[in-house]
């Protein structure tokens, strides 16, 4: 058994998932507090119970942490980028409403 990377991923609600994956050289770039994205599924609308795919994408460094590539990575990154663009657009929209500007 080689070196292992242990990631504890959580959100503001207190939900957490721990991942243990084989350590790879690109993991040296990771820092505490880096954003991580995972696919999660739940049988609860409130997401009080959930399971996470054991694969994390860290968009700031473009790094993946997984034992095996479960997700179709190009699609995952495409969706991640689309969500980020939508989030930025929503922030710009909110700011324009606050400043009484039209975009």
PDB file of N, CA and C in Angstrom:
ATOM      1  N   UNK A   1       0.832  -1.204   0.000  1.00  0.00           N
ATOM      2  CA  UNK A   1       0.000   0.000   0.000  1.00  0.00           C
ATOM      3  C   UNK A   1       0.865   1.252   0.000  1.00  0.00           C
ATOM      4  N   UNK A   2       0.541   2.185  -0.921  1.00  0.00           N
ATOM      5  CA  UNK A   2       1.286   3.436  -1.017  1.00  0.00           C
ATOM      6  C   UNK A   2       0.712   4.502  -0.119  1.00  0.00           C
ATOM      7  N   UNK A   3       1.123   5.717  -0.372  1.00  0.00           N
ATOM      8  CA  UNK A   3       0.634   6.863   0.399  1.00  0.00           C
ATOM      9  C   UNK A   3      -0.834   7.118   0.083  1.00  0.00           C
ATOM     10  N   UNK A   4      -1.528   7.651   1.081  1.00  0.00           N
ATOM     11  CA  UNK A   4      -2.963   7.894   0.952  1.00  0.00           C
ATOM     12  C   UNK A   4      -3.256   9.364   1.235  1.00  0.00           C
ATOM     13  N   UNK A   5      -4.156   9.935   0.463  1.00  0.00           N
ATOM     14  CA  UNK A   5      -4.661  11.287   0.696  1.00  0.00           C
ATOM     15  C   UNK A   5      -6.000  11.152   1.384  1.00  0.00           C
ATOM     16  N   UNK A   6      -6.139  11.818   2.517  1.00  0.00           N
ATOM     17  CA  UNK A   6      -7.422  11.827   3.221  1.00  0.00           C
ATOM     18  C   UNK A   6      -8.005  13.225   3.108  1.00  0.00           C
ATOM     19  N   UNK A   7      -9.190  13.307   2.543  1.00  0.00           N
ATOM     20  CA  UNK A   7      -9.895  14.576   2.372  1.00  0.00           C
ATOM     21  C   UNK A   7     -11.149  14.570   3.225  1.00  0.00           C
ATOM     22  N   UNK A   8     -11.356  15.630   3.965  1.00  0.00           N
ATOM     23  CA  UNK A   8     -12.608  15.822   4.683  1.00  0.00           C
ATOM     24  C   UNK A   8     -13.305  16.979   3.995  1.00  0.00           C
ATOM     25  N   UNK A   9     -14.424  16.682   3.346  1.00  0.00           N
ATOM     26  CA  UNK A   9     -15.169  17.674   2.578  1.00  0.00           C
ATOM     27  C   UNK A   9     -16.463  17.959   3.317  1.00  0.00           C
ATOM     28  N   UNK A  10     -16.756  19.239   3.527  1.00  0.00           N
ATOM     29  CA  UNK A  10     -17.977  19.607   4.232  1.00  0.00           C
ATOM     30  C   UNK A  10     -18.582  20.866   3.656  1.00  0.00           C
ATOM     31  N   UNK A  11     -19.782  21.164   4.122  1.00  0.00           N
ATOM     32  CA  UNK A  11     -20.446  22.401   3.698  1.00  0.00           C
ATOM     33  C   UNK A  11     -20.895  23.189   4.920  1.00  0.00           C
ATOM     34  N   UNK A  12     -21.525  24.327   4.671  1.00  0.00           N
ATOM     35  CA  UNK A  12     -21.933  25.214   5.771  1.00  0.00           C
ATOM     36  C   UNK A  12     -22.992  24.599   6.686  1.00  0.00           C
ATOM     37  N   UNK A  13     -23.705  23.587   6.194  1.00  0.00           N
ATOM     38  CA  UNK A  13     -24.750  22.964   7.013  1.00  0.00           C
ATOM     39  C   UNK A  13     -24.158  22.008   8.044  1.00  0.00           C
ATOM     40  N   UNK A  14     -22.880  21.677   7.878  1.00  0.00           N
ATOM     41  CA  UNK A  14     -22.239  20.728   8.782  1.00  0.00           C
ATOM     42  C   UNK A  14     -22.118  19.333   8.196  1.00  0.00           C
ATOM     43  N   UNK A  15     -22.704  19.106   7.025  1.00  0.00           N
ATOM     44  CA  UNK A  15     -22.587  17.798   6.373  1.00  0.00           C
ATOM     45  C   UNK A  15     -21.134  17.577   5.969  1.00  0.00           C
ATOM     46  N   UNK A  16     -20.650  16.354   6.168  1.00  0.00           N
ATOM     47  CA  UNK A  16     -19.262  16.042   5.838  1.00  0.00           C
ATOM     48  C   UNK A  16     -19.147  14.669   5.193  1.00  0.00           C
ATOM     49  N   UNK A  17     -18.135  14.540   4.344  1.00  0.00           N
ATOM     50  CA  UNK A  17     -17.792  13.276   3.715  1.00  0.00           C
ATOM     51  C   UNK A  17     -16.275  13.154   3.786  1.00  0.00           C
ATOM     52  N   UNK A  18     -15.798  11.987   4.166  1.00  0.00           N
ATOM     53  CA  UNK A  18     -14.357  11.758   4.169  1.00  0.00           C
ATOM     54  C   UNK A  18     -14.007  10.829   3.012  1.00  0.00           C
ATOM     55  N   UNK A  19     -12.998  11.226   2.263  1.00  0.00           N
ATOM     56  CA  UNK A  19     -12.515  10.420   1.146  1.00  0.00           C
ATOM     57  C   UNK A  19     -11.083   9.990   1.432  1.00  0.00           C
ATOM     58  N   UNK A  20     -10.781   8.757   1.152  1.00  0.00           N
ATOM     59  CA  UNK A  20      -9.412   8.259   1.197  1.00  0.00           C
ATOM     60  C   UNK A  20      -9.091   7.742  -0.190  1.00  0.00           C
ATOM     61  N   UNK A  21      -8.073   8.344  -0.805  1.00  0.00           N
ATOM     62  CA  UNK A  21      -7.705   7.972  -2.166  1.00  0.00           C
ATOM     63  C   UNK A  21      -6.190   7.833  -2.247  1.00  0.00           C
ATOM     64  N   UNK A  22      -5.706   7.099  -3.219  1.00  0.00           N
ATOM     65  CA  UNK A  22      -4.259   7.007  -3.395  1.00  0.00           C
ATOM     66  C   UNK A  22      -3.655   8.391  -3.658  1.00  0.00           C
ATOM     67  N   UNK A  23      -2.556   8.691  -2.997  1.00  0.00           N
ATOM     68  CA  UNK A  23      -1.889   9.981  -3.169  1.00  0.00           C
ATOM     69  C   UNK A  23      -1.212  10.038  -4.530  1.00  0.00           C
ATOM     70  N   UNK A  24      -1.412  11.160  -5.230  1.00  0.00           N
ATOM     71  CA  UNK A  24      -0.762  11.397  -6.514  1.00  0.00           C
ATOM     72  C   UNK A  24      -0.035  12.734  -6.437  1.00  0.00           C
ATOM     73  N   UNK A  25       0.970  12.917  -7.253  1.00  0.00           N
ATOM     74  CA  UNK A  25       1.814  14.114  -7.177  1.00  0.00           C
ATOM     75  C   UNK A  25       1.017  15.423  -7.281  1.00  0.00           C
ATOM     76  N   UNK A  26      -0.047  15.453  -8.102  1.00  0.00           N
ATOM     77  CA  UNK A  26      -0.819  16.689  -8.242  1.00  0.00           C
ATOM     78  C   UNK A  26      -1.558  17.064  -6.955  1.00  0.00           C
ATOM     79  N   UNK A  27      -1.696  16.140  -6.031  1.00  0.00           N
ATOM     80  CA  UNK A  27      -2.369  16.446  -4.767  1.00  0.00           C
ATOM     81  C   UNK A  27      -1.542  17.382  -3.891  1.00  0.00           C
ATOM     82  N   UNK A  28      -0.260  17.562  -4.217  1.00  0.00           N
ATOM     83  CA  UNK A  28       0.586  18.498  -3.453  1.00  0.00           C
ATOM     84  C   UNK A  28       0.069  19.924  -3.568  1.00  0.00           C
ATOM     85  N   UNK A  29      -0.669  20.224  -4.631  1.00  0.00           N
ATOM     86  CA  UNK A  29      -1.206  21.570  -4.854  1.00  0.00           C
ATOM     87  C   UNK A  29      -2.393  21.893  -3.953  1.00  0.00           C
ATOM     88  N   UNK A  30      -3.012  20.884  -3.358  1.00  0.00           N
ATOM     89  CA  UNK A  30      -4.226  21.084  -2.573  1.00  0.00           C
ATOM     90  C   UNK A  30      -3.912  21.775  -1.255  1.00  0.00           C
ATOM     91  N   UNK A  31      -4.831  22.650  -0.844  1.00  0.00           N
ATOM     92  CA  UNK A  31      -4.688  23.394   0.407  1.00  0.00           C
ATOM     93  C   UNK A  31      -5.978  23.296   1.209  1.00  0.00           C
ATOM     94  N   UNK A  32      -5.834  23.342   2.514  1.00  0.00           N
ATOM     95  CA  UNK A  32      -7.009  23.373   3.389  1.00  0.00           C
ATOM     96  C   UNK A  32      -7.872  24.559   2.974  1.00  0.00           C
ATOM     97  N   UNK A  33      -9.155  24.321   2.815  1.00  0.00           N
ATOM     98  CA  UNK A  33     -10.089  25.379   2.431  1.00  0.00           C
ATOM     99  C   UNK A  33     -10.394  25.436   0.942  1.00  0.00           C
ATOM    100  N   UNK A  34      -9.647  24.660   0.114  1.00  0.00           N
ATOM    101  CA  UNK A  34      -9.954  24.621  -1.312  1.00  0.00           C
ATOM    102  C   UNK A  34     -11.381  24.107  -1.515  1.00  0.00           C
ATOM    103  N   UNK A  35     -12.061  24.680  -2.494  1.00  0.00           N
ATOM    104  CA  UNK A  35     -13.399  24.207  -2.835  1.00  0.00           C
ATOM    105  C   UNK A  35     -13.300  22.808  -3.435  1.00  0.00           C
ATOM    106  N   UNK A  36     -14.266  21.971  -3.116  1.00  0.00           N
ATOM    107  CA  UNK A  36     -14.327  20.616  -3.667  1.00  0.00           C
ATOM    108  C   UNK A  36     -15.752  20.352  -4.116  1.00  0.00           C
ATOM    109  N   UNK A  37     -15.884  19.661  -5.223  1.00  0.00           N
ATOM    110  CA  UNK A  37     -17.196  19.329  -5.768  1.00  0.00           C
ATOM    111  C   UNK A  37     -17.311  17.815  -5.861  1.00  0.00           C
ATOM    112  N   UNK A  38     -18.460  17.304  -5.426  1.00  0.00           N
ATOM    113  CA  UNK A  38     -18.724  15.871  -5.454  1.00  0.00           C
ATOM    114  C   UNK A  38     -20.131  15.640  -5.966  1.00  0.00           C
ATOM    115  N   UNK A  39     -20.390  14.474  -6.486  1.00  0.00           N
ATOM    116  CA  UNK A  39     -21.746  14.067  -6.833  1.00  0.00           C
ATOM    117  C   UNK A  39     -22.330  13.391  -5.602  1.00  0.00           C
ATOM    118  N   UNK A  40     -23.488  13.884  -5.164  1.00  0.00           N
ATOM    119  CA  UNK A  40     -24.167  13.270  -4.024  1.00  0.00           C
ATOM    120  C   UNK A  40     -25.578  12.894  -4.423  1.00  0.00           C
ATOM    121  N   UNK A  41     -26.087  11.842  -3.801  1.00  0.00           N
ATOM    122  CA  UNK A  41     -27.461  11.406  -4.023  1.00  0.00           C
ATOM    123  C   UNK A  41     -28.130  11.251  -2.670  1.00  0.00           C
ATOM    124  N   UNK A  42     -29.447  11.445  -2.668  1.00  0.00           N
ATOM    125  CA  UNK A  42     -30.186  11.359  -1.418  1.00  0.00           C
ATOM    126  C   UNK A  42     -31.606  10.884  -1.693  1.00  0.00           C
ATOM    127  N   UNK A  43     -32.173  10.189  -0.713  1.00  0.00           N
ATOM    128  CA  UNK A  43     -33.581   9.838  -0.801  1.00  0.00           C
ATOM    129  C   UNK A  43     -34.425  10.812   0.018  1.00  0.00           C
ATOM    130  N   UNK A  44     -33.785  11.890   0.458  1.00  0.00           N
ATOM    131  CA  UNK A  44     -34.442  12.905   1.279  1.00  0.00           C
ATOM    132  C   UNK A  44     -34.416  14.245   0.547  1.00  0.00           C
ATOM    133  N   UNK A  45     -35.575  14.884   0.415  1.00  0.00           N
ATOM    134  CA  UNK A  45     -35.658  16.184  -0.254  1.00  0.00           C
ATOM    135  C   UNK A  45     -34.778  17.209   0.463  1.00  0.00           C
ATOM    136  N   UNK A  46     -34.694  17.111   1.782  1.00  0.00           N
ATOM    137  CA  UNK A  46     -33.893  18.045   2.573  1.00  0.00           C
ATOM    138  C   UNK A  46     -32.413  17.661   2.594  1.00  0.00           C
ATOM    139  N   UNK A  47     -32.060  16.555   1.945  1.00  0.00           N
ATOM    140  CA  UNK A  47     -30.673  16.066   1.906  1.00  0.00           C
ATOM    141  C   UNK A  47     -30.132  15.772   3.302  1.00  0.00           C
ATOM    142  N   UNK A  48     -31.005  15.367   4.221  1.00  0.00           N
ATOM    143  CA  UNK A  48     -30.551  15.044   5.571  1.00  0.00           C
ATOM    144  C   UNK A  48     -29.745  13.749   5.591  1.00  0.00           C
ATOM    145  N   UNK A  49     -30.014  12.876   4.648  1.00  0.00           N
ATOM    146  CA  UNK A  49     -29.234  11.646   4.461  1.00  0.00           C
ATOM    147  C   UNK A  49     -28.744  11.656   3.027  1.00  0.00           C
ATOM    148  N   UNK A  50     -27.478  11.370   2.835  1.00  0.00           N
ATOM    149  CA  UNK A  50     -26.967  11.356   1.472  1.00  0.00           C
ATOM    150  C   UNK A  50     -25.760  10.433   1.386  1.00  0.00           C
ATOM    151  N   UNK A  51     -25.437  10.092   0.168  1.00  0.00           N
ATOM    152  CA  UNK A  51     -24.224   9.323  -0.135  1.00  0.00           C
ATOM    153  C   UNK A  51     -23.477  10.089  -1.211  1.00  0.00           C
ATOM    154  N   UNK A  52     -22.172  10.026  -1.138  1.00  0.00           N
ATOM    155  CA  UNK A  52     -21.342  10.741  -2.117  1.00  0.00           C
ATOM    156  C   UNK A  52     -20.545   9.762  -2.956  1.00  0.00           C
ATOM    157  N   UNK A  53     -20.435  10.081  -4.229  1.00  0.00           N
ATOM    158  CA  UNK A  53     -19.549   9.340  -5.103  1.00  0.00           C
ATOM    159  C   UNK A  53     -18.134   9.579  -4.593  1.00  0.00           C
ATOM    160  N   UNK A  54     -17.336   8.564  -4.520  1.00  0.00           N
ATOM    161  CA  UNK A  54     -15.988   8.666  -3.944  1.00  0.00           C
ATOM    162  C   UNK A  54     -14.995   9.268  -4.935  1.00  0.00           C
ATOM    163  N   UNK A  55     -15.358  10.443  -5.411  1.00  0.00           N
ATOM    164  CA  UNK A  55     -14.514  11.152  -6.360  1.00  0.00           C
ATOM    165  C   UNK A  55     -14.771  12.639  -6.174  1.00  0.00           C
ATOM    166  N   UNK A  56     -13.714  13.408  -5.981  1.00  0.00           N
ATOM    167  CA  UNK A  56     -13.853  14.845  -5.771  1.00  0.00           C
ATOM    168  C   UNK A  56     -13.105  15.600  -6.856  1.00  0.00           C
ATOM    169  N   UNK A  57     -13.706  16.706  -7.283  1.00  0.00           N
ATOM    170  CA  UNK A  57     -13.066  17.612  -8.239  1.00  0.00           C
ATOM    171  C   UNK A  57     -12.786  18.904  -7.500  1.00  0.00           C
ATOM    172  N   UNK A  58     -11.550  19.369  -7.586  1.00  0.00           N
ATOM    173  CA  UNK A  58     -11.147  20.621  -6.941  1.00  0.00           C
ATOM    174  C   UNK A  58     -10.879  21.640  -8.039  1.00  0.00           C
ATOM    175  N   UNK A  59     -11.885  22.486  -8.330  1.00  0.00           N
ATOM    176  CA  UNK A  59     -11.821  23.349  -9.515  1.00  0.00           C
ATOM    177  C   UNK A  59     -10.710  24.397  -9.487  1.00  0.00           C
ATOM    178  N   UNK A  60     -10.293  24.841  -8.312  1.00  0.00           N
ATOM    179  CA  UNK A  60      -9.255  25.877  -8.253  1.00  0.00           C
ATOM    180  C   UNK A  60      -7.943  25.384  -8.855  1.00  0.00           C
ATOM    181  N   UNK A  61      -7.660  24.103  -8.702  1.00  0.00           N
ATOM    182  CA  UNK A  61      -6.419  23.533  -9.229  1.00  0.00           C
ATOM    183  C   UNK A  61      -6.665  22.583 -10.395  1.00  0.00           C
ATOM    184  N   UNK A  62      -7.940  22.295 -10.687  1.00  0.00           N
ATOM    185  CA  UNK A  62      -8.271  21.344 -11.742  1.00  0.00           C
ATOM    186  C   UNK A  62      -7.859  19.922 -11.391  1.00  0.00           C
ATOM    187  N   UNK A  63      -7.793  19.641 -10.096  1.00  0.00           N
ATOM    188  CA  UNK A  63      -7.311  18.352  -9.598  1.00  0.00           C
ATOM    189  C   UNK A  63      -8.470  17.427  -9.262  1.00  0.00           C
ATOM    190  N   UNK A  64      -8.268  16.148  -9.516  1.00  0.00           N
ATOM    191  CA  UNK A  64      -9.217  15.110  -9.146  1.00  0.00           C
ATOM    192  C   UNK A  64      -8.629  14.302  -8.008  1.00  0.00           C
ATOM    193  N   UNK A  65      -9.474  13.875  -7.101  1.00  0.00           N
ATOM    194  CA  UNK A  65      -9.068  12.977  -6.021  1.00  0.00           C
ATOM    195  C   UNK A  65     -10.032  11.804  -6.048  1.00  0.00           C
ATOM    196  N   UNK A  66      -9.522  10.648  -6.450  1.00  0.00           N
ATOM    197  CA  UNK A  66     -10.368   9.464  -6.513  1.00  0.00           C
ATOM    198  C   UNK A  66      -9.489   8.225  -6.607  1.00  0.00           C
ATOM    199  N   UNK A  67     -10.086   7.111  -6.279  1.00  0.00           N
ATOM    200  CA  UNK A  67      -9.390   5.846  -6.440  1.00  0.00           C
ATOM    201  C   UNK A  67      -9.607   5.320  -7.855  1.00  0.00           C
ATOM    202  N   UNK A  68     -10.767   5.627  -8.386  1.00  0.00           N
ATOM    203  CA  UNK A  68     -11.148   5.159  -9.711  1.00  0.00           C
ATOM    204  C   UNK A  68     -12.021   6.240 -10.337  1.00  0.00           C
ATOM    205  N   UNK A  69     -11.856   6.568 -11.605  1.00  0.00           N
ATOM    206  CA  UNK A  69     -12.688   7.624 -12.213  1.00  0.00           C
ATOM    207  C   UNK A  69     -14.111   7.143 -12.499  1.00  0.00           C
ATOM    208  N   UNK A  70     -15.004   7.374 -11.553  1.00  0.00           N
ATOM    209  CA  UNK A  70     -16.397   6.957 -11.703  1.00  0.00           C
ATOM    210  C   UNK A  70     -17.176   7.901 -12.612  1.00  0.00           C
ATOM    211  N   UNK A  71     -16.970   9.193 -12.435  1.00  0.00           N
ATOM    212  CA  UNK A  71     -17.710  10.191 -13.203  1.00  0.00           C
ATOM    213  C   UNK A  71     -17.054  10.395 -14.568  1.00  0.00           C
ATOM    214  N   UNK A  72     -17.868  10.738 -15.548  1.00  0.00           N
ATOM    215  CA  UNK A  72     -17.327  11.142 -16.844  1.00  0.00           C
ATOM    216  C   UNK A  72     -16.764  12.549 -16.632  1.00  0.00           C
ATOM    217  N   UNK A  73     -15.460  12.653 -16.517  1.00  0.00           N
ATOM    218  CA  UNK A  73     -14.823  13.886 -16.049  1.00  0.00           C
ATOM    219  C   UNK A  73     -15.075  15.082 -16.953  1.00  0.00           C
ATOM    220  N   UNK A  74     -15.083  14.913 -18.241  1.00  0.00           N
ATOM    221  CA  UNK A  74     -15.314  16.060 -19.122  1.00  0.00           C
ATOM    222  C   UNK A  74     -16.720  16.621 -18.912  1.00  0.00           C
ATOM    223  N   UNK A  75     -17.689  15.754 -18.705  1.00  0.00           N
ATOM    224  CA  UNK A  75     -19.062  16.191 -18.449  1.00  0.00           C
ATOM    225  C   UNK A  75     -19.147  16.860 -17.077  1.00  0.00           C
ATOM    226  N   UNK A  76     -18.490  16.275 -16.085  1.00  0.00           N
ATOM    227  CA  UNK A  76     -18.487  16.842 -14.738  1.00  0.00           C
ATOM    228  C   UNK A  76     -17.924  18.270 -14.765  1.00  0.00           C
ATOM    229  N   UNK A  77     -16.786  18.468 -15.433  1.00  0.00           N
ATOM    230  CA  UNK A  77     -16.170  19.794 -15.517  1.00  0.00           C
ATOM    231  C   UNK A  77     -17.067  20.755 -16.286  1.00  0.00           C
ATOM    232  N   UNK A  78     -17.713  20.294 -17.348  1.00  0.00           N
ATOM    233  CA  UNK A  78     -18.640  21.129 -18.108  1.00  0.00           C
ATOM    234  C   UNK A  78     -19.773  21.624 -17.207  1.00  0.00           C
ATOM    235  N   UNK A  79     -20.363  20.721 -16.442  1.00  0.00           N
ATOM    236  CA  UNK A  79     -21.451  21.092 -15.533  1.00  0.00           C
ATOM    237  C   UNK A  79     -20.942  22.035 -14.447  1.00  0.00           C
ATOM    238  N   UNK A  80     -19.777  21.745 -13.901  1.00  0.00           N
ATOM    239  CA  UNK A  80     -19.184  22.606 -12.885  1.00  0.00           C
ATOM    240  C   UNK A  80     -19.007  24.029 -13.416  1.00  0.00           C
ATOM    241  N   UNK A  81     -18.469  24.147 -14.623  1.00  0.00           N
ATOM    242  CA  UNK A  81     -18.264  25.467 -15.225  1.00  0.00           C
ATOM    243  C   UNK A  81     -19.590  26.172 -15.493  1.00  0.00           C
ATOM    244  N   UNK A  82     -20.582  25.436 -15.951  1.00  0.00           N
ATOM    245  CA  UNK A  82     -21.896  26.028 -16.226  1.00  0.00           C
ATOM    246  C   UNK A  82     -22.533  26.555 -14.940  1.00  0.00           C
ATOM    247  N   UNK A  83     -22.417  25.802 -13.866  1.00  0.00           N
ATOM    248  CA  UNK A  83     -22.963  26.243 -12.577  1.00  0.00           C
ATOM    249  C   UNK A  83     -22.246  27.498 -12.100  1.00  0.00           C
ATOM    250  N   UNK A  84     -20.927  27.527 -12.241  1.00  0.00           N
ATOM    251  CA  UNK A  84     -20.146  28.700 -11.834  1.00  0.00           C
ATOM    252  C   UNK A  84     -20.530  29.927 -12.647  1.00  0.00           C
ATOM    253  N   UNK A  85     -20.705  29.763 -13.955  1.00  0.00           N
ATOM    254  CA  UNK A  85     -21.124  30.886 -14.791  1.00  0.00           C
ATOM    255  C   UNK A  85     -22.506  31.381 -14.388  1.00  0.00           C
ATOM    256  N   UNK A  86     -23.410  30.462 -14.102  1.00  0.00           N
ATOM    257  CA  UNK A  86     -24.753  30.844 -13.675  1.00  0.00           C
ATOM    258  C   UNK A  86     -24.706  31.571 -12.334  1.00  0.00           C
ATOM    259  N   UNK A  87     -23.877  31.068 -11.423  1.00  0.00           N
ATOM    260  CA  UNK A  87     -23.732  31.700 -10.111  1.00  0.00           C
ATOM    261  C   UNK A  87     -23.200  33.120 -10.262  1.00  0.00           C
ATOM    262  N   UNK A  88     -22.186  33.284 -11.114  1.00  0.00           N
ATOM    263  CA  UNK A  88     -21.623  34.625 -11.338  1.00  0.00           C
ATOM    264  C   UNK A  88     -22.668  35.543 -11.960  1.00  0.00           C
ATOM    265  N   UNK A  89     -23.430  35.035 -12.915  1.00  0.00           N
ATOM    266  CA  UNK A  89     -24.475  35.836 -13.546  1.00  0.00           C
ATOM    267  C   UNK A  89     -25.530  36.249 -12.551  1.00  0.00           C
ATOM    268  N   UNK A  90     -25.890  35.357 -11.633  1.00  0.00           N
ATOM    269  CA  UNK A  90     -26.874  35.678 -10.610  1.00  0.00           C
ATOM    270  C   UNK A  90     -26.348  36.756  -9.679  1.00  0.00           C
ATOM    271  N   UNK A  91     -25.063  36.664  -9.306  1.00  0.00           N
ATOM    272  CA  UNK A  91     -24.469  37.702  -8.457  1.00  0.00           C
ATOM    273  C   UNK A  91     -24.480  39.043  -9.167  1.00  0.00           C
ATOM    274  N   UNK A  92     -24.134  39.043 -10.475  1.00  0.00           N
ATOM    275  CA  UNK A  92     -24.151  40.287 -11.238  1.00  0.00           C
ATOM    276  C   UNK A  92     -25.562  40.852 -11.305  1.00  0.00           C
ATOM    277  N   UNK A  93     -26.558  39.964 -11.474  1.00  0.00           N
ATOM    278  CA  UNK A  93     -27.949  40.390 -11.525  1.00  0.00           C
ATOM    279  C   UNK A  93     -28.367  40.999 -10.194  1.00  0.00           C
ATOM    280  N   UNK A  94     -28.003  40.343  -9.088  1.00  0.00           N
ATOM    281  CA  UNK A  94     -28.333  40.880  -7.770  1.00  0.00           C
ATOM    282  C   UNK A  94     -27.689  42.243  -7.572  1.00  0.00           C
ATOM    283  N   UNK A  95     -26.427  42.357  -7.947  1.00  0.00           N
ATOM    284  CA  UNK A  95     -25.712  43.620  -7.786  1.00  0.00           C
ATOM    285  C   UNK A  95     -26.372  44.701  -8.626  1.00  0.00           C
ATOM    286  N   UNK A  96     -26.802  44.367  -9.845  1.00  0.00           N
ATOM    287  CA  UNK A  96     -27.424  45.374 -10.701  1.00  0.00           C
ATOM    288  C   UNK A  96     -28.751  45.824 -10.109  1.00  0.00           C
ATOM    289  N   UNK A  97     -29.484  44.914  -9.460  1.00  0.00           N
ATOM    290  CA  UNK A  97     -30.728  45.321  -8.801  1.00  0.00           C
ATOM    291  C   UNK A  97     -30.435  46.236  -7.631  1.00  0.00           C
ATOM    292  N   UNK A  98     -29.400  45.894  -6.854  1.00  0.00           N
ATOM    293  CA  UNK A  98     -29.023  46.714  -5.700  1.00  0.00           C
ATOM    294  C   UNK A  98     -28.584  48.107  -6.139  1.00  0.00           C
ATOM    295  N   UNK A  99     -27.891  48.194  -7.277  1.00  0.00           N
ATOM    296  CA  UNK A  99     -27.363  49.460  -7.758  1.00  0.00           C
ATOM    297  C   UNK A  99     -28.323  50.157  -8.737  1.00  0.00           C
ATOM    298  N   UNK A 100     -29.484  49.529  -8.975  1.00  0.00           N
ATOM    299  CA  UNK A 100     -30.460  50.040  -9.921  1.00  0.00           C
ATOM    300  C   UNK A 100     -29.919  50.179 -11.334  1.00  0.00           C
ATOM    301  N   UNK A 101     -29.099  49.244 -11.739  1.00  0.00           N
ATOM    302  CA  UNK A 101     -28.585  49.191 -13.101  1.00  0.00           C
ATOM    303  C   UNK A 101     -29.257  48.060 -13.842  1.00  0.00           C
ATOM    304  N   UNK A 102     -29.307  48.208 -15.124  1.00  0.00           N
ATOM    305  CA  UNK A 102     -29.791  47.119 -15.969  1.00  0.00           C
ATOM    306  C   UNK A 102     -28.607  46.515 -16.677  1.00  0.00           C
ATOM    307  N   UNK A 103     -28.610  45.200 -16.798  1.00  0.00           N
ATOM    308  CA  UNK A 103     -27.551  44.532 -17.560  1.00  0.00           C
ATOM    309  C   UNK A 103     -28.092  44.104 -18.891  1.00  0.00           C
TER     310      UNK A 103
END
